[in-house]
Amino acid sequence: MKILVSSSGKVKTDVLDSRFGRCSYFQIFDTETKEYTVLENKGVTSAQGAGIAAAQQVVDNDVNIVITGAAGPNAFRILDGSGIKIFKGTEEKVEDIIALYLDGKLQEIAHAGTAHNGMHK
């Protein structure tokens, strides 16, 4: 299983970025290999549709679980429609967030958050 965390940086001790579409990086943890892969979020440079670009990138990388602060309506629709479950994370270290998920301590996000058109860092 591949677990993706929206992240502020490239290492597992960096913290979760609560913005899905505008986070800088995605860290993907593979539960079989116990290895991390880091992707630069393509959505962060989008003038519009950051959530759509980010969600499509997640789908293209065969992710099963997304952990983030919130997903806007477009990103939520793409992820949910692809069978990817979304869980609510807080601004803690990526490795700690993944441990919380694996321990069953994170809440699934059942509905889209609000759109954040034009939001930049």
Protein backbone atom coordinates (compact mmCIF):
# COMPACT_ATOMS: atom_id res chain seq x y z
CA MET A 1 0.00 0.00 0.00
CA LYS A 2 1.19 3.52 -0.78
CA ILE A 3 0.45 6.28 1.73
CA LEU A 4 0.95 9.87 0.59
CA VAL A 5 1.43 12.82 2.94
CA SER A 6 1.28 16.44 1.78
CA SER A 7 4.58 17.75 3.08
CA SER A 8 6.52 20.95 3.69
CA GLY A 9 9.82 19.24 2.84
CA LYS A 10 11.65 16.25 1.42
CA VAL A 11 12.51 14.21 4.53
CA LYS A 12 10.31 12.17 6.87
CA THR A 13 11.07 14.51 9.78
CA ASP A 14 9.56 17.48 7.91
CA VAL A 15 5.99 18.36 8.89
CA LEU A 16 2.73 17.79 7.08
CA ASP A 17 1.57 20.75 5.00
CA SER A 18 -2.17 21.13 5.53
CA ARG A 19 -2.66 22.46 1.96
CA PHE A 20 -3.08 19.57 -0.46
CA GLY A 21 -3.05 21.39 -3.80
CA ARG A 22 -0.45 23.97 -2.80
CA CYS A 23 1.94 21.91 -0.66
CA SER A 24 5.54 21.83 -1.89
CA TYR A 25 6.07 18.08 -1.79
CA PHE A 26 4.35 14.74 -1.59
CA GLN A 27 6.06 12.07 0.48
CA ILE A 28 4.92 8.55 -0.37
CA PHE A 29 5.53 5.72 2.09
CA ASP A 30 5.35 2.19 0.71
CA THR A 31 4.19 -0.18 3.46
CA GLU A 32 5.73 -3.19 1.69
CA THR A 33 9.25 -1.84 1.14
CA LYS A 34 9.17 0.63 4.10
CA GLU A 35 10.73 3.21 1.79
CA TYR A 36 9.85 6.83 1.11
CA THR A 37 9.61 8.48 -2.30
CA VAL A 38 9.43 12.26 -2.66
CA LEU A 39 7.64 14.07 -5.48
CA GLU A 40 7.51 17.79 -6.16
CA ASN A 41 3.84 18.75 -6.26
CA LYS A 42 2.98 19.82 -9.81
CA GLY A 43 -0.04 21.71 -8.49
CA VAL A 44 2.01 24.22 -6.52
CA THR A 45 2.99 26.10 -9.69
CA SER A 46 -0.49 26.09 -11.25
CA ALA A 47 -2.10 29.49 -11.63
CA GLN A 48 -5.47 27.75 -11.39
CA GLY A 49 -6.55 24.19 -10.71
CA ALA A 50 -3.79 23.34 -8.23
CA GLY A 51 -5.95 20.69 -6.57
CA ILE A 52 -6.78 19.07 -9.89
CA ALA A 53 -3.11 18.90 -10.96
CA ALA A 54 -2.07 17.57 -7.54
CA ALA A 55 -4.84 14.97 -7.43
CA GLN A 56 -4.04 13.71 -10.92
CA GLN A 57 -0.38 13.36 -9.94
CA VAL A 58 -1.45 11.27 -6.93
CA VAL A 59 -3.66 9.04 -9.11
CA ASP A 60 -0.82 8.62 -11.63
CA ASN A 61 1.47 7.35 -8.84
CA ASP A 62 -0.92 4.56 -7.73
CA VAL A 63 -1.40 5.95 -4.22
CA ASN A 64 -3.98 4.26 -1.97
CA ILE A 65 -4.21 6.72 0.95
CA VAL A 66 -3.75 10.51 1.14
CA ILE A 67 -3.10 12.26 4.44
CA THR A 68 -3.47 16.05 4.37
CA GLY A 69 -5.18 18.90 6.17
CA ALA A 70 -8.00 19.26 3.65
CA ALA A 71 -8.80 18.63 0.00
CA GLY A 72 -10.82 21.11 -2.04
CA PRO A 73 -13.88 20.02 -4.03
CA ASN A 74 -12.07 19.28 -7.31
CA ALA A 75 -9.21 17.37 -5.70
CA PHE A 76 -11.65 15.47 -3.47
CA ARG A 77 -13.78 14.46 -6.46
CA ILE A 78 -10.77 13.12 -8.39
CA LEU A 79 -9.26 11.26 -5.41
CA ASP A 80 -12.57 9.84 -4.19
CA GLY A 81 -13.57 8.88 -7.73
CA SER A 82 -10.30 6.95 -8.07
CA GLY A 83 -10.93 5.00 -4.86
CA ILE A 84 -8.26 6.87 -2.88
CA LYS A 85 -9.18 7.40 0.77
CA ILE A 86 -8.32 10.76 2.35
CA PHE A 87 -7.44 11.17 6.01
CA LYS A 88 -7.08 14.28 8.19
CA GLY A 89 -3.56 14.97 9.40
CA THR A 90 -2.11 17.69 11.58
CA GLU A 91 1.15 19.57 11.26
CA GLU A 92 3.36 16.87 12.74
CA LYS A 93 6.36 15.02 11.32
CA VAL A 94 5.53 12.93 8.26
CA GLU A 95 6.86 9.76 9.90
CA ASP A 96 4.66 10.38 12.98
CA ILE A 97 1.56 11.02 10.84
CA ILE A 98 2.12 7.72 9.01
CA ALA A 99 2.50 5.90 12.33
CA LEU A 100 -0.78 7.42 13.52
CA TYR A 101 -2.51 6.24 10.34
CA LEU A 102 -1.11 2.72 10.67
CA ASP A 103 -2.32 2.65 14.30
CA GLY A 104 -5.85 3.59 13.12
CA LYS A 105 -5.77 6.97 14.88
CA LEU A 106 -6.59 9.30 11.96
CA GLN A 107 -10.07 10.33 10.87
CA GLU A 108 -11.18 9.79 7.28
CA ILE A 109 -12.25 12.94 5.43
CA ALA A 110 -15.71 12.17 4.05
CA HIS A 111 -16.42 15.51 2.36
CA ALA A 112 -14.49 18.09 0.35
CA GLY A 113 -13.16 21.21 2.00
CA THR A 114 -13.64 24.65 0.50
CA ALA A 115 -11.89 25.79 -2.66
CA HIS A 116 -8.87 28.03 -2.23
CA ASN A 117 -8.58 29.65 -5.64
CA GLY A 118 -5.39 31.63 -6.07
CA MET A 119 -3.89 30.77 -2.68
CA HIS A 120 -0.11 30.84 -2.74
CA LYS A 121 2.57 30.50 -0.13
